[in-house]
């Protein structure tokens, strides 16, 4: 739900701030969301919700 309020596409930093966590925690979470198809990583390392 926190990611839905972000601009699309969003950066890892924006997701980290929305979740209120560290980059160390946010990056594996984003990678899991990419793998499950909930987000899509773009060539510039930004992500878009699917």
N, C-alpha and C. Protein backbone atom coordinates (compact mmCIF):
# COMPACT_ATOMS: atom_id res chain seq x y z
N UNK A 1 0.82 -1.19 0.00
CA UNK A 1 0.00 0.00 0.00
C UNK A 1 0.87 1.26 0.00
N UNK A 2 2.02 1.20 0.66
CA UNK A 2 2.88 2.38 0.72
C UNK A 2 3.43 2.74 -0.66
N UNK A 3 3.67 1.74 -1.49
CA UNK A 3 4.22 2.01 -2.82
C UNK A 3 3.19 2.62 -3.75
N UNK A 4 1.93 2.38 -3.51
CA UNK A 4 0.88 2.92 -4.38
C UNK A 4 0.85 4.44 -4.36
N UNK A 5 1.33 5.06 -3.30
CA UNK A 5 1.35 6.51 -3.19
C UNK A 5 2.55 7.16 -3.84
N UNK A 6 3.48 6.36 -4.34
CA UNK A 6 4.69 6.91 -4.95
C UNK A 6 4.47 7.23 -6.42
N UNK A 7 5.27 8.17 -6.96
CA UNK A 7 5.19 8.43 -8.40
C UNK A 7 5.66 7.19 -9.16
N UNK A 8 5.21 7.06 -10.37
CA UNK A 8 5.61 5.90 -11.17
C UNK A 8 6.39 6.37 -12.38
N UNK A 9 7.58 5.89 -12.60
CA UNK A 9 8.30 4.90 -11.82
C UNK A 9 8.93 5.52 -10.58
N UNK A 10 9.32 4.66 -9.62
CA UNK A 10 9.90 5.14 -8.37
C UNK A 10 11.29 4.53 -8.18
N UNK A 11 12.08 5.20 -7.36
CA UNK A 11 13.44 4.74 -7.08
C UNK A 11 13.47 3.88 -5.83
N UNK A 12 14.57 3.19 -5.64
CA UNK A 12 14.77 2.40 -4.42
C UNK A 12 14.71 3.32 -3.21
N UNK A 13 15.29 4.49 -3.31
CA UNK A 13 15.29 5.44 -2.21
C UNK A 13 13.87 5.89 -1.85
N UNK A 14 13.05 6.14 -2.85
CA UNK A 14 11.66 6.54 -2.58
C UNK A 14 10.89 5.42 -1.90
N UNK A 15 11.10 4.18 -2.32
CA UNK A 15 10.44 3.04 -1.68
C UNK A 15 10.93 2.90 -0.25
N UNK A 16 12.23 3.03 -0.05
CA UNK A 16 12.81 2.93 1.29
C UNK A 16 12.20 3.96 2.24
N UNK A 17 12.06 5.18 1.77
CA UNK A 17 11.48 6.24 2.59
C UNK A 17 10.01 5.98 2.87
N UNK A 18 9.27 5.48 1.89
CA UNK A 18 7.85 5.18 2.08
C UNK A 18 7.65 4.09 3.12
N UNK A 19 8.56 3.11 3.12
CA UNK A 19 8.48 2.02 4.09
C UNK A 19 9.07 2.40 5.44
N UNK A 20 9.88 3.46 5.49
CA UNK A 20 10.52 3.86 6.73
C UNK A 20 11.56 2.85 7.19
N UNK A 21 12.36 2.35 6.25
CA UNK A 21 13.36 1.33 6.57
C UNK A 21 14.69 1.67 5.92
N UNK A 22 15.64 0.79 6.08
CA UNK A 22 16.97 1.00 5.50
C UNK A 22 17.05 0.43 4.09
N UNK A 23 18.07 0.85 3.36
CA UNK A 23 18.30 0.32 2.02
C UNK A 23 18.61 -1.18 2.09
N UNK A 24 19.28 -1.59 3.16
CA UNK A 24 19.63 -3.01 3.35
C UNK A 24 18.39 -3.89 3.40
N UNK A 25 17.29 -3.37 3.95
CA UNK A 25 16.03 -4.10 4.03
C UNK A 25 15.20 -3.89 2.76
N UNK A 26 15.19 -2.67 2.24
CA UNK A 26 14.33 -2.33 1.10
C UNK A 26 14.74 -3.06 -0.18
N UNK A 27 16.03 -3.18 -0.43
CA UNK A 27 16.48 -3.79 -1.69
C UNK A 27 16.03 -5.25 -1.84
N UNK A 28 16.23 -6.11 -0.83
CA UNK A 28 15.72 -7.49 -0.97
C UNK A 28 14.20 -7.54 -1.11
N UNK A 29 13.49 -6.64 -0.44
CA UNK A 29 12.03 -6.59 -0.57
C UNK A 29 11.64 -6.24 -2.00
N UNK A 30 12.29 -5.25 -2.58
CA UNK A 30 11.99 -4.86 -3.96
C UNK A 30 12.34 -5.98 -4.93
N UNK A 31 13.44 -6.67 -4.69
CA UNK A 31 13.81 -7.79 -5.56
C UNK A 31 12.78 -8.91 -5.48
N UNK A 32 12.24 -9.15 -4.29
CA UNK A 32 11.19 -10.17 -4.14
C UNK A 32 9.92 -9.74 -4.86
N UNK A 33 9.58 -8.45 -4.79
CA UNK A 33 8.41 -7.94 -5.51
C UNK A 33 8.61 -8.05 -7.02
N UNK A 34 9.84 -7.81 -7.49
CA UNK A 34 10.15 -7.97 -8.92
C UNK A 34 9.95 -9.43 -9.33
N UNK A 35 10.48 -10.35 -8.53
CA UNK A 35 10.41 -11.78 -8.85
C UNK A 35 8.98 -12.30 -8.85
N UNK A 36 8.13 -11.73 -7.99
CA UNK A 36 6.74 -12.18 -7.91
C UNK A 36 5.85 -11.50 -8.95
N UNK A 37 6.41 -10.52 -9.68
CA UNK A 37 5.64 -9.85 -10.71
C UNK A 37 4.81 -8.68 -10.23
N UNK A 38 4.97 -8.29 -8.99
CA UNK A 38 4.20 -7.15 -8.46
C UNK A 38 4.80 -5.82 -8.87
N UNK A 39 6.11 -5.81 -9.09
CA UNK A 39 6.78 -4.62 -9.63
C UNK A 39 7.62 -5.05 -10.82
N UNK A 40 7.98 -4.08 -11.64
CA UNK A 40 8.84 -4.34 -12.79
C UNK A 40 10.03 -3.40 -12.73
N UNK A 41 11.22 -3.96 -12.75
CA UNK A 41 12.44 -3.15 -12.73
C UNK A 41 12.74 -2.68 -14.15
N UNK A 42 13.04 -1.41 -14.28
CA UNK A 42 13.34 -0.82 -15.58
C UNK A 42 14.85 -0.72 -15.77
N UNK A 43 15.31 -0.49 -16.99
CA UNK A 43 16.76 -0.43 -17.25
C UNK A 43 17.49 0.64 -16.43
N UNK A 44 16.81 1.71 -16.04
CA UNK A 44 17.45 2.77 -15.26
C UNK A 44 17.37 2.51 -13.75
N UNK A 45 16.99 1.29 -13.35
CA UNK A 45 16.88 0.84 -11.95
C UNK A 45 15.68 1.42 -11.21
N UNK A 46 14.81 2.12 -11.91
CA UNK A 46 13.55 2.53 -11.29
C UNK A 46 12.59 1.36 -11.40
N UNK A 47 11.53 1.41 -10.61
CA UNK A 47 10.54 0.33 -10.64
C UNK A 47 9.15 0.90 -10.86
N UNK A 48 8.31 0.07 -11.45
CA UNK A 48 6.92 0.44 -11.73
C UNK A 48 6.03 -0.65 -11.17
N UNK A 49 4.92 -0.25 -10.54
CA UNK A 49 3.95 -1.23 -10.06
C UNK A 49 3.24 -1.87 -11.24
N UNK A 50 2.90 -3.14 -11.12
CA UNK A 50 2.16 -3.82 -12.19
C UNK A 50 0.71 -3.94 -11.81
